[in-house]
PDB file of N, CA and C in Angstrom:
ATOM      1  N   UNK A   1      -9.729  17.820   5.053  1.00  0.00           N
ATOM      2  CA  UNK A   1      -8.393  17.875   4.509  1.00  0.00           C
ATOM      3  C   UNK A   1      -8.496  18.307   3.056  1.00  0.00           C
ATOM      4  N   UNK A   2      -7.700  19.271   2.688  1.00  0.00           N
ATOM      5  CA  UNK A   2      -7.736  19.777   1.322  1.00  0.00           C
ATOM      6  C   UNK A   2      -7.114  18.761   0.369  1.00  0.00           C
ATOM      7  N   UNK A   3      -7.402  18.962  -0.900  1.00  0.00           N
ATOM      8  CA  UNK A   3      -6.878  18.041  -1.908  1.00  0.00           C
ATOM      9  C   UNK A   3      -5.356  18.046  -1.927  1.00  0.00           C
ATOM     10  N   UNK A   4      -4.750  19.224  -1.775  1.00  0.00           N
ATOM     11  CA  UNK A   4      -3.292  19.304  -1.770  1.00  0.00           C
ATOM     12  C   UNK A   4      -2.683  18.536  -0.615  1.00  0.00           C
ATOM     13  N   UNK A   5      -3.287  18.661   0.545  1.00  0.00           N
ATOM     14  CA  UNK A   5      -2.766  17.951   1.712  1.00  0.00           C
ATOM     15  C   UNK A   5      -2.965  16.438   1.568  1.00  0.00           C
ATOM     16  N   UNK A   6      -4.118  16.042   1.011  1.00  0.00           N
ATOM     17  CA  UNK A   6      -4.366  14.622   0.776  1.00  0.00           C
ATOM     18  C   UNK A   6      -3.342  14.050  -0.195  1.00  0.00           C
ATOM     19  N   UNK A   7      -3.058  14.801  -1.254  1.00  0.00           N
ATOM     20  CA  UNK A   7      -2.080  14.350  -2.244  1.00  0.00           C
ATOM     21  C   UNK A   7      -0.701  14.194  -1.613  1.00  0.00           C
ATOM     22  N   UNK A   8      -0.312  15.151  -0.790  1.00  0.00           N
ATOM     23  CA  UNK A   8       0.994  15.050  -0.130  1.00  0.00           C
ATOM     24  C   UNK A   8       1.053  13.843   0.796  1.00  0.00           C
ATOM     25  N   UNK A   9      -0.023  13.602   1.553  1.00  0.00           N
ATOM     26  CA  UNK A   9      -0.035  12.425   2.434  1.00  0.00           C
ATOM     27  C   UNK A   9       0.008  11.133   1.630  1.00  0.00           C
ATOM     28  N   UNK A  10      -0.762  11.091   0.538  1.00  0.00           N
ATOM     29  CA  UNK A  10      -0.769   9.888  -0.303  1.00  0.00           C
ATOM     30  C   UNK A  10       0.617   9.622  -0.877  1.00  0.00           C
ATOM     31  N   UNK A  11       1.273  10.678  -1.349  1.00  0.00           N
ATOM     32  CA  UNK A  11       2.622  10.505  -1.894  1.00  0.00           C
ATOM     33  C   UNK A  11       3.622  10.128  -0.809  1.00  0.00           C
ATOM     34  N   UNK A  12       3.432  10.664   0.391  1.00  0.00           N
ATOM     35  CA  UNK A  12       4.320  10.326   1.507  1.00  0.00           C
ATOM     36  C   UNK A  12       4.160   8.862   1.912  1.00  0.00           C
ATOM     37  N   UNK A  13       3.040   8.262   1.573  1.00  0.00           N
ATOM     38  CA  UNK A  13       2.820   6.839   1.857  1.00  0.00           C
ATOM     39  C   UNK A  13       3.263   5.984   0.672  1.00  0.00           C
ATOM     40  N   UNK A  14       2.834   6.347  -0.534  1.00  0.00           N
ATOM     41  CA  UNK A  14       3.038   5.486  -1.697  1.00  0.00           C
ATOM     42  C   UNK A  14       4.480   5.438  -2.199  1.00  0.00           C
ATOM     43  N   UNK A  15       5.191   6.562  -2.157  1.00  0.00           N
ATOM     44  CA  UNK A  15       6.554   6.559  -2.696  1.00  0.00           C
ATOM     45  C   UNK A  15       7.499   5.703  -1.852  1.00  0.00           C
ATOM     46  N   UNK A  16       7.571   5.869  -0.518  1.00  0.00           N
ATOM     47  CA  UNK A  16       8.435   4.976   0.254  1.00  0.00           C
ATOM     48  C   UNK A  16       7.991   3.511   0.171  1.00  0.00           C
ATOM     49  N   UNK A  17       6.673   3.298   0.097  1.00  0.00           N
ATOM     50  CA  UNK A  17       6.185   1.924  -0.036  1.00  0.00           C
ATOM     51  C   UNK A  17       6.642   1.314  -1.359  1.00  0.00           C
ATOM     52  N   UNK A  18       6.647   2.108  -2.424  1.00  0.00           N
ATOM     53  CA  UNK A  18       7.127   1.645  -3.725  1.00  0.00           C
ATOM     54  C   UNK A  18       8.594   1.243  -3.653  1.00  0.00           C
ATOM     55  N   UNK A  19       9.401   2.097  -3.033  1.00  0.00           N
ATOM     56  CA  UNK A  19      10.825   1.798  -2.918  1.00  0.00           C
ATOM     57  C   UNK A  19      11.075   0.543  -2.089  1.00  0.00           C
ATOM     58  N   UNK A  20      10.371   0.426  -0.971  1.00  0.00           N
ATOM     59  CA  UNK A  20      10.584  -0.736  -0.103  1.00  0.00           C
ATOM     60  C   UNK A  20      10.026  -2.015  -0.720  1.00  0.00           C
ATOM     61  N   UNK A  21       8.976  -1.912  -1.521  1.00  0.00           N
ATOM     62  CA  UNK A  21       8.474  -3.095  -2.229  1.00  0.00           C
ATOM     63  C   UNK A  21       9.533  -3.607  -3.200  1.00  0.00           C
ATOM     64  N   UNK A  22      10.251  -2.698  -3.843  1.00  0.00           N
ATOM     65  CA  UNK A  22      11.343  -3.109  -4.726  1.00  0.00           C
ATOM     66  C   UNK A  22      12.458  -3.797  -3.966  1.00  0.00           C
ATOM     67  N   UNK A  23      12.799  -3.259  -2.795  1.00  0.00           N
ATOM     68  CA  UNK A  23      13.839  -3.877  -1.969  1.00  0.00           C
ATOM     69  C   UNK A  23      13.380  -5.254  -1.494  1.00  0.00           C
ATOM     70  N   UNK A  24      12.137  -5.344  -1.021  1.00  0.00           N
ATOM     71  CA  UNK A  24      11.618  -6.624  -0.539  1.00  0.00           C
ATOM     72  C   UNK A  24      11.567  -7.648  -1.666  1.00  0.00           C
ATOM     73  N   UNK A  25      11.200  -7.212  -2.848  1.00  0.00           N
ATOM     74  CA  UNK A  25      11.169  -8.133  -3.991  1.00  0.00           C
ATOM     75  C   UNK A  25      12.566  -8.681  -4.288  1.00  0.00           C
ATOM     76  N   UNK A  26      13.570  -7.816  -4.248  1.00  0.00           N
ATOM     77  CA  UNK A  26      14.934  -8.292  -4.486  1.00  0.00           C
ATOM     78  C   UNK A  26      15.358  -9.293  -3.424  1.00  0.00           C
ATOM     79  N   UNK A  27      15.021  -9.012  -2.168  1.00  0.00           N
ATOM     80  CA  UNK A  27      15.402  -9.922  -1.088  1.00  0.00           C
ATOM     81  C   UNK A  27      14.693 -11.271  -1.206  1.00  0.00           C
ATOM     82  N   UNK A  28      13.409 -11.244  -1.476  1.00  0.00           N
ATOM     83  CA  UNK A  28      12.640 -12.493  -1.565  1.00  0.00           C
ATOM     84  C   UNK A  28      13.105 -13.330  -2.746  1.00  0.00           C
ATOM     85  N   UNK A  29      13.212 -12.707  -3.911  1.00  0.00           N
ATOM     86  CA  UNK A  29      13.538 -13.490  -5.093  1.00  0.00           C
ATOM     87  C   UNK A  29      15.029 -13.754  -5.248  1.00  0.00           C
ATOM     88  N   UNK A  30      15.834 -13.298  -4.303  1.00  0.00           N
ATOM     89  CA  UNK A  30      17.229 -13.729  -4.257  1.00  0.00           C
ATOM     90  C   UNK A  30      17.312 -15.157  -3.727  1.00  0.00           C
ATOM     91  N   UNK A  31      16.284 -15.584  -2.978  1.00  0.00           N
ATOM     92  CA  UNK A  31      16.296 -16.935  -2.404  1.00  0.00           C
ATOM     93  C   UNK A  31      15.165 -17.821  -2.923  1.00  0.00           C
ATOM     94  N   UNK A  32      14.186 -17.239  -3.630  1.00  0.00           N
ATOM     95  CA  UNK A  32      13.042 -18.001  -4.141  1.00  0.00           C
ATOM     96  C   UNK A  32      13.069 -17.968  -5.657  1.00  0.00           C
ATOM     97  N   UNK A  33      12.966 -19.136  -6.270  1.00  0.00           N
ATOM     98  CA  UNK A  33      12.893 -19.223  -7.730  1.00  0.00           C
ATOM     99  C   UNK A  33      11.418 -19.296  -8.122  1.00  0.00           C
ATOM    100  N   UNK A  34      10.896 -18.311  -8.856  1.00  0.00           N
ATOM    101  CA  UNK A  34       9.471 -18.321  -9.194  1.00  0.00           C
ATOM    102  C   UNK A  34       9.064 -19.501 -10.068  1.00  0.00           C
ATOM    103  N   UNK A  35      10.000 -20.110 -10.758  1.00  0.00           N
ATOM    104  CA  UNK A  35       9.667 -21.262 -11.601  1.00  0.00           C
ATOM    105  C   UNK A  35       9.387 -22.519 -10.776  1.00  0.00           C
ATOM    106  N   UNK A  36       9.804 -22.544  -9.517  1.00  0.00           N
ATOM    107  CA  UNK A  36       9.606 -23.739  -8.684  1.00  0.00           C
ATOM    108  C   UNK A  36       8.519 -23.545  -7.637  1.00  0.00           C
ATOM    109  N   UNK A  37       7.726 -22.488  -7.737  1.00  0.00           N
ATOM    110  CA  UNK A  37       6.674 -22.247  -6.741  1.00  0.00           C
ATOM    111  C   UNK A  37       5.519 -23.229  -6.906  1.00  0.00           C
ATOM    112  N   UNK A  38       4.921 -23.598  -5.792  1.00  0.00           N
ATOM    113  CA  UNK A  38       3.753 -24.480  -5.780  1.00  0.00           C
ATOM    114  C   UNK A  38       2.669 -23.867  -4.909  1.00  0.00           C
ATOM    115  N   UNK A  39       1.404 -24.140  -5.248  1.00  0.00           N
ATOM    116  CA  UNK A  39       0.289 -23.702  -4.420  1.00  0.00           C
ATOM    117  C   UNK A  39       0.272 -24.530  -3.151  1.00  0.00           C
ATOM    118  N   UNK A  40      -0.554 -24.161  -2.204  1.00  0.00           N
ATOM    119  CA  UNK A  40      -0.600 -24.882  -0.928  1.00  0.00           C
ATOM    120  C   UNK A  40      -1.018 -26.339  -1.106  1.00  0.00           C
ATOM    121  N   UNK A  41      -1.805 -26.636  -2.141  1.00  0.00           N
ATOM    122  CA  UNK A  41      -2.228 -28.007  -2.399  1.00  0.00           C
ATOM    123  C   UNK A  41      -1.168 -28.839  -3.095  1.00  0.00           C
ATOM    124  N   UNK A  42      -0.070 -28.250  -3.499  1.00  0.00           N
ATOM    125  CA  UNK A  42       1.008 -28.982  -4.144  1.00  0.00           C
ATOM    126  C   UNK A  42       1.085 -28.789  -5.646  1.00  0.00           C
ATOM    127  N   UNK A  43       0.049 -28.212  -6.253  1.00  0.00           N
ATOM    128  CA  UNK A  43       0.065 -27.993  -7.703  1.00  0.00           C
ATOM    129  C   UNK A  43       1.045 -26.857  -8.032  1.00  0.00           C
ATOM    130  N   UNK A  44       1.784 -27.013  -9.128  1.00  0.00           N
ATOM    131  CA  UNK A  44       2.726 -25.936  -9.494  1.00  0.00           C
ATOM    132  C   UNK A  44       1.981 -24.665  -9.903  1.00  0.00           C
ATOM    133  N   UNK A  45       2.599 -23.541  -9.639  1.00  0.00           N
ATOM    134  CA  UNK A  45       2.045 -22.248 -10.046  1.00  0.00           C
ATOM    135  C   UNK A  45       2.266 -22.114 -11.551  1.00  0.00           C
ATOM    136  N   UNK A  46       1.195 -21.926 -12.298  1.00  0.00           N
ATOM    137  CA  UNK A  46       1.271 -21.880 -13.760  1.00  0.00           C
ATOM    138  C   UNK A  46       1.313 -20.448 -14.279  1.00  0.00           C
ATOM    139  N   UNK A  47       2.101 -19.612 -13.637  1.00  0.00           N
ATOM    140  CA  UNK A  47       2.255 -18.219 -14.055  1.00  0.00           C
ATOM    141  C   UNK A  47       3.713 -18.036 -14.472  1.00  0.00           C
ATOM    142  N   UNK A  48       3.923 -17.285 -15.534  1.00  0.00           N
ATOM    143  CA  UNK A  48       5.290 -17.026 -15.999  1.00  0.00           C
ATOM    144  C   UNK A  48       6.071 -16.312 -14.894  1.00  0.00           C
ATOM    145  N   UNK A  49       7.371 -16.537 -14.817  1.00  0.00           N
ATOM    146  CA  UNK A  49       8.171 -15.877 -13.785  1.00  0.00           C
ATOM    147  C   UNK A  49       8.005 -14.360 -13.750  1.00  0.00           C
ATOM    148  N   UNK A  50       7.908 -13.728 -14.927  1.00  0.00           N
ATOM    149  CA  UNK A  50       7.705 -12.274 -14.948  1.00  0.00           C
ATOM    150  C   UNK A  50       6.373 -11.905 -14.297  1.00  0.00           C
ATOM    151  N   UNK A  51       5.360 -12.735 -14.484  1.00  0.00           N
ATOM    152  CA  UNK A  51       4.073 -12.506 -13.846  1.00  0.00           C
ATOM    153  C   UNK A  51       4.152 -12.662 -12.341  1.00  0.00           C
ATOM    154  N   UNK A  52       4.928 -13.630 -11.884  1.00  0.00           N
ATOM    155  CA  UNK A  52       5.113 -13.823 -10.441  1.00  0.00           C
ATOM    156  C   UNK A  52       5.822 -12.611  -9.845  1.00  0.00           C
ATOM    157  N   UNK A  53       6.851 -12.129 -10.529  1.00  0.00           N
ATOM    158  CA  UNK A  53       7.562 -10.938 -10.055  1.00  0.00           C
ATOM    159  C   UNK A  53       6.614  -9.743  -9.960  1.00  0.00           C
ATOM    160  N   UNK A  54       5.823  -9.552 -11.010  1.00  0.00           N
ATOM    161  CA  UNK A  54       4.894  -8.415 -11.053  1.00  0.00           C
ATOM    162  C   UNK A  54       3.841  -8.514  -9.960  1.00  0.00           C
ATOM    163  N   UNK A  55       3.217  -9.671  -9.855  1.00  0.00           N
ATOM    164  CA  UNK A  55       2.183  -9.873  -8.850  1.00  0.00           C
ATOM    165  C   UNK A  55       2.747  -9.702  -7.442  1.00  0.00           C
ATOM    166  N   UNK A  56       3.904 -10.275  -7.194  1.00  0.00           N
ATOM    167  CA  UNK A  56       4.530 -10.151  -5.875  1.00  0.00           C
ATOM    168  C   UNK A  56       4.848  -8.695  -5.562  1.00  0.00           C
ATOM    169  N   UNK A  57       5.346  -7.953  -6.551  1.00  0.00           N
ATOM    170  CA  UNK A  57       5.659  -6.542  -6.317  1.00  0.00           C
ATOM    171  C   UNK A  57       4.420  -5.772  -5.889  1.00  0.00           C
ATOM    172  N   UNK A  58       3.307  -5.963  -6.596  1.00  0.00           N
ATOM    173  CA  UNK A  58       2.096  -5.228  -6.252  1.00  0.00           C
ATOM    174  C   UNK A  58       1.527  -5.656  -4.901  1.00  0.00           C
ATOM    175  N   UNK A  59       1.661  -6.922  -4.556  1.00  0.00           N
ATOM    176  CA  UNK A  59       1.228  -7.373  -3.224  1.00  0.00           C
ATOM    177  C   UNK A  59       2.104  -6.730  -2.152  1.00  0.00           C
ATOM    178  N   UNK A  60       3.414  -6.751  -2.348  1.00  0.00           N
ATOM    179  CA  UNK A  60       4.323  -6.121  -1.382  1.00  0.00           C
ATOM    180  C   UNK A  60       4.025  -4.632  -1.248  1.00  0.00           C
ATOM    181  N   UNK A  61       3.820  -3.961  -2.379  1.00  0.00           N
ATOM    182  CA  UNK A  61       3.543  -2.527  -2.375  1.00  0.00           C
ATOM    183  C   UNK A  61       2.240  -2.237  -1.627  1.00  0.00           C
ATOM    184  N   UNK A  62       1.224  -3.034  -1.892  1.00  0.00           N
ATOM    185  CA  UNK A  62      -0.062  -2.837  -1.228  1.00  0.00           C
ATOM    186  C   UNK A  62       0.022  -3.035   0.275  1.00  0.00           C
ATOM    187  N   UNK A  63       0.724  -4.063   0.705  1.00  0.00           N
ATOM    188  CA  UNK A  63       0.848  -4.336   2.141  1.00  0.00           C
ATOM    189  C   UNK A  63       1.636  -3.226   2.840  1.00  0.00           C
ATOM    190  N   UNK A  64       2.733  -2.815   2.245  1.00  0.00           N
ATOM    191  CA  UNK A  64       3.552  -1.764   2.857  1.00  0.00           C
ATOM    192  C   UNK A  64       2.808  -0.433   2.851  1.00  0.00           C
ATOM    193  N   UNK A  65       2.085  -0.125   1.769  1.00  0.00           N
ATOM    194  CA  UNK A  65       1.311   1.120   1.708  1.00  0.00           C
ATOM    195  C   UNK A  65       0.182   1.108   2.730  1.00  0.00           C
ATOM    196  N   UNK A  66      -0.446  -0.042   2.941  1.00  0.00           N
ATOM    197  CA  UNK A  66      -1.501  -0.140   3.946  1.00  0.00           C
ATOM    198  C   UNK A  66      -0.932   0.118   5.334  1.00  0.00           C
ATOM    199  N   UNK A  67       0.228  -0.430   5.616  1.00  0.00           N
ATOM    200  CA  UNK A  67       0.859  -0.171   6.912  1.00  0.00           C
ATOM    201  C   UNK A  67       1.183   1.314   7.070  1.00  0.00           C
ATOM    202  N   UNK A  68       1.664   1.951   6.019  1.00  0.00           N
ATOM    203  CA  UNK A  68       1.952   3.377   6.085  1.00  0.00           C
ATOM    204  C   UNK A  68       0.695   4.208   6.258  1.00  0.00           C
ATOM    205  N   UNK A  69      -0.383   3.834   5.575  1.00  0.00           N
ATOM    206  CA  UNK A  69      -1.642   4.571   5.698  1.00  0.00           C
ATOM    207  C   UNK A  69      -2.219   4.430   7.098  1.00  0.00           C
ATOM    208  N   UNK A  70      -2.136   3.239   7.664  1.00  0.00           N
ATOM    209  CA  UNK A  70      -2.611   3.048   9.036  1.00  0.00           C
ATOM    210  C   UNK A  70      -1.778   3.861  10.017  1.00  0.00           C
ATOM    211  N   UNK A  71      -0.488   3.949   9.772  1.00  0.00           N
ATOM    212  CA  UNK A  71       0.370   4.764  10.627  1.00  0.00           C
ATOM    213  C   UNK A  71      -0.034   6.234  10.541  1.00  0.00           C
ATOM    214  N   UNK A  72      -0.269   6.729   9.321  1.00  0.00           N
ATOM    215  CA  UNK A  72      -0.711   8.115   9.149  1.00  0.00           C
ATOM    216  C   UNK A  72      -2.043   8.358   9.858  1.00  0.00           C
ATOM    217  N   UNK A  73      -2.948   7.415   9.730  1.00  0.00           N
ATOM    218  CA  UNK A  73      -4.259   7.554  10.372  1.00  0.00           C
ATOM    219  C   UNK A  73      -4.133   7.595  11.888  1.00  0.00           C
ATOM    220  N   UNK A  74      -3.314   6.717  12.433  1.00  0.00           N
ATOM    221  CA  UNK A  74      -3.168   6.647  13.887  1.00  0.00           C
ATOM    222  C   UNK A  74      -2.366   7.810  14.453  1.00  0.00           C
ATOM    223  N   UNK A  75      -1.612   8.512  13.625  1.00  0.00           N
ATOM    224  CA  UNK A  75      -0.850   9.664  14.094  1.00  0.00           C
ATOM    225  C   UNK A  75      -1.690  10.927  14.199  1.00  0.00           C
ATOM    226  N   UNK A  76      -2.880  10.913  13.610  1.00  0.00           N
ATOM    227  CA  UNK A  76      -3.723  12.102  13.671  1.00  0.00           C
ATOM    228  C   UNK A  76      -4.275  12.277  15.080  1.00  0.00           C
ATOM    229  N   UNK A  77      -4.341  13.535  15.506  1.00  0.00           N
ATOM    230  CA  UNK A  77      -4.938  13.821  16.800  1.00  0.00           C
ATOM    231  C   UNK A  77      -6.460  13.826  16.651  1.00  0.00           C
ATOM    232  N   UNK A  78      -7.157  13.777  17.783  1.00  0.00           N
ATOM    233  CA  UNK A  78      -8.615  13.809  17.755  1.00  0.00           C
ATOM    234  C   UNK A  78      -9.113  15.108  17.122  1.00  0.00           C
ATOM    235  N   UNK A  79      -8.408  16.200  17.363  1.00  0.00           N
ATOM    236  CA  UNK A  79      -8.812  17.484  16.785  1.00  0.00           C
ATOM    237  C   UNK A  79      -8.749  17.446  15.258  1.00  0.00           C
ATOM    238  N   UNK A  80      -7.695  16.835  14.717  1.00  0.00           N
ATOM    239  CA  UNK A  80      -7.574  16.742  13.263  1.00  0.00           C
ATOM    240  C   UNK A  80      -8.693  15.904  12.673  1.00  0.00           C
ATOM    241  N   UNK A  81      -8.993  14.776  13.306  1.00  0.00           N
ATOM    242  CA  UNK A  81     -10.040  13.896  12.806  1.00  0.00           C
ATOM    243  C   UNK A  81     -11.389  14.602  12.869  1.00  0.00           C
ATOM    244  N   UNK A  82     -11.691  15.229  14.000  1.00  0.00           N
ATOM    245  CA  UNK A  82     -12.972  15.903  14.158  1.00  0.00           C
ATOM    246  C   UNK A  82     -13.098  17.104  13.239  1.00  0.00           C
ATOM    247  N   UNK A  83     -12.020  17.823  13.017  1.00  0.00           N
ATOM    248  CA  UNK A  83     -12.049  18.973  12.111  1.00  0.00           C
ATOM    249  C   UNK A  83     -12.353  18.503  10.693  1.00  0.00           C
ATOM    250  N   UNK A  84     -11.742  17.391  10.261  1.00  0.00           N
ATOM    251  CA  UNK A  84     -11.987  16.861   8.918  1.00  0.00           C
ATOM    252  C   UNK A  84     -13.431  16.386   8.780  1.00  0.00           C
ATOM    253  N   UNK A  85     -13.971  15.738   9.811  1.00  0.00           N
ATOM    254  CA  UNK A  85     -15.354  15.278   9.762  1.00  0.00           C
ATOM    255  C   UNK A  85     -16.320  16.452   9.741  1.00  0.00           C
ATOM    256  N   UNK A  86     -16.043  17.488  10.512  1.00  0.00           N
ATOM    257  CA  UNK A  86     -16.912  18.667  10.531  1.00  0.00           C
ATOM    258  C   UNK A  86     -16.888  19.380   9.186  1.00  0.00           C
ATOM    259  N   UNK A  87     -15.726  19.476   8.572  1.00  0.00           N
ATOM    260  CA  UNK A  87     -15.619  20.118   7.256  1.00  0.00           C
ATOM    261  C   UNK A  87     -16.377  19.316   6.210  1.00  0.00           C
ATOM    262  N   UNK A  88     -16.286  17.985   6.286  1.00  0.00           N
ATOM    263  CA  UNK A  88     -17.011  17.144   5.332  1.00  0.00           C
ATOM    264  C   UNK A  88     -18.517  17.291   5.526  1.00  0.00           C
ATOM    265  N   UNK A  89     -18.964  17.370   6.771  1.00  0.00           N
ATOM    266  CA  UNK A  89     -20.390  17.534   7.044  1.00  0.00           C
ATOM    267  C   UNK A  89     -20.881  18.891   6.534  1.00  0.00           C
ATOM    268  N   UNK A  90     -20.081  19.941   6.710  1.00  0.00           N
ATOM    269  CA  UNK A  90     -20.468  21.267   6.225  1.00  0.00           C
ATOM    270  C   UNK A  90     -20.569  21.301   4.709  1.00  0.00           C
ATOM    271  N   UNK A  91     -19.697  20.568   4.027  1.00  0.00           N
ATOM    272  CA  UNK A  91     -19.707  20.597   2.562  1.00  0.00           C
ATOM    273  C   UNK A  91     -20.894  19.826   1.995  1.00  0.00           C
ATOM    274  N   UNK A  92     -21.449  18.873   2.753  1.00  0.00           N
ATOM    275  CA  UNK A  92     -22.601  18.101   2.278  1.00  0.00           C
ATOM    276  C   UNK A  92     -23.901  18.882   2.396  1.00  0.00           C
ATOM    277  N   UNK A  93     -24.022  19.717   3.396  1.00  0.00           N
ATOM    278  CA  UNK A  93     -25.281  20.414   3.668  1.00  0.00           C
ATOM    279  C   UNK A  93     -25.129  21.890   3.317  1.00  0.00           C
ATOM    280  N   UNK A  94     -25.979  22.377   2.386  1.00  0.00           N
ATOM    281  CA  UNK A  94     -25.890  23.796   2.030  1.00  0.00           C
ATOM    282  C   UNK A  94     -26.362  24.682   3.184  1.00  0.00           C
ATOM    283  N   UNK A  95     -25.769  25.846   3.285  1.00  0.00           N
ATOM    284  CA  UNK A  95     -26.119  26.770   4.380  1.00  0.00           C
ATOM    285  C   UNK A  95     -27.426  27.468   4.133  1.00  0.00           C
TER     286      UNK A  95
END
């Protein structure tokens, strides 16, 4: 896969994931107050609310982007996968 095609696929995954992470963050924090969060052991979370928002956004973005990347990977045909592997093998070994 050429660099241009890789960039387009990456952007096709990351941009919608970014938008949906923002939507998910709004939905979650409409009902959850970050100042009242507790760890599983019961201890309060000692992170500023802005830090909780930031961390949650990046976690949401990462999870959604991973789902999009897996979808892109699974949509490839065997010919596409094998063609990319053959091209990579040719580029490693000089003729």
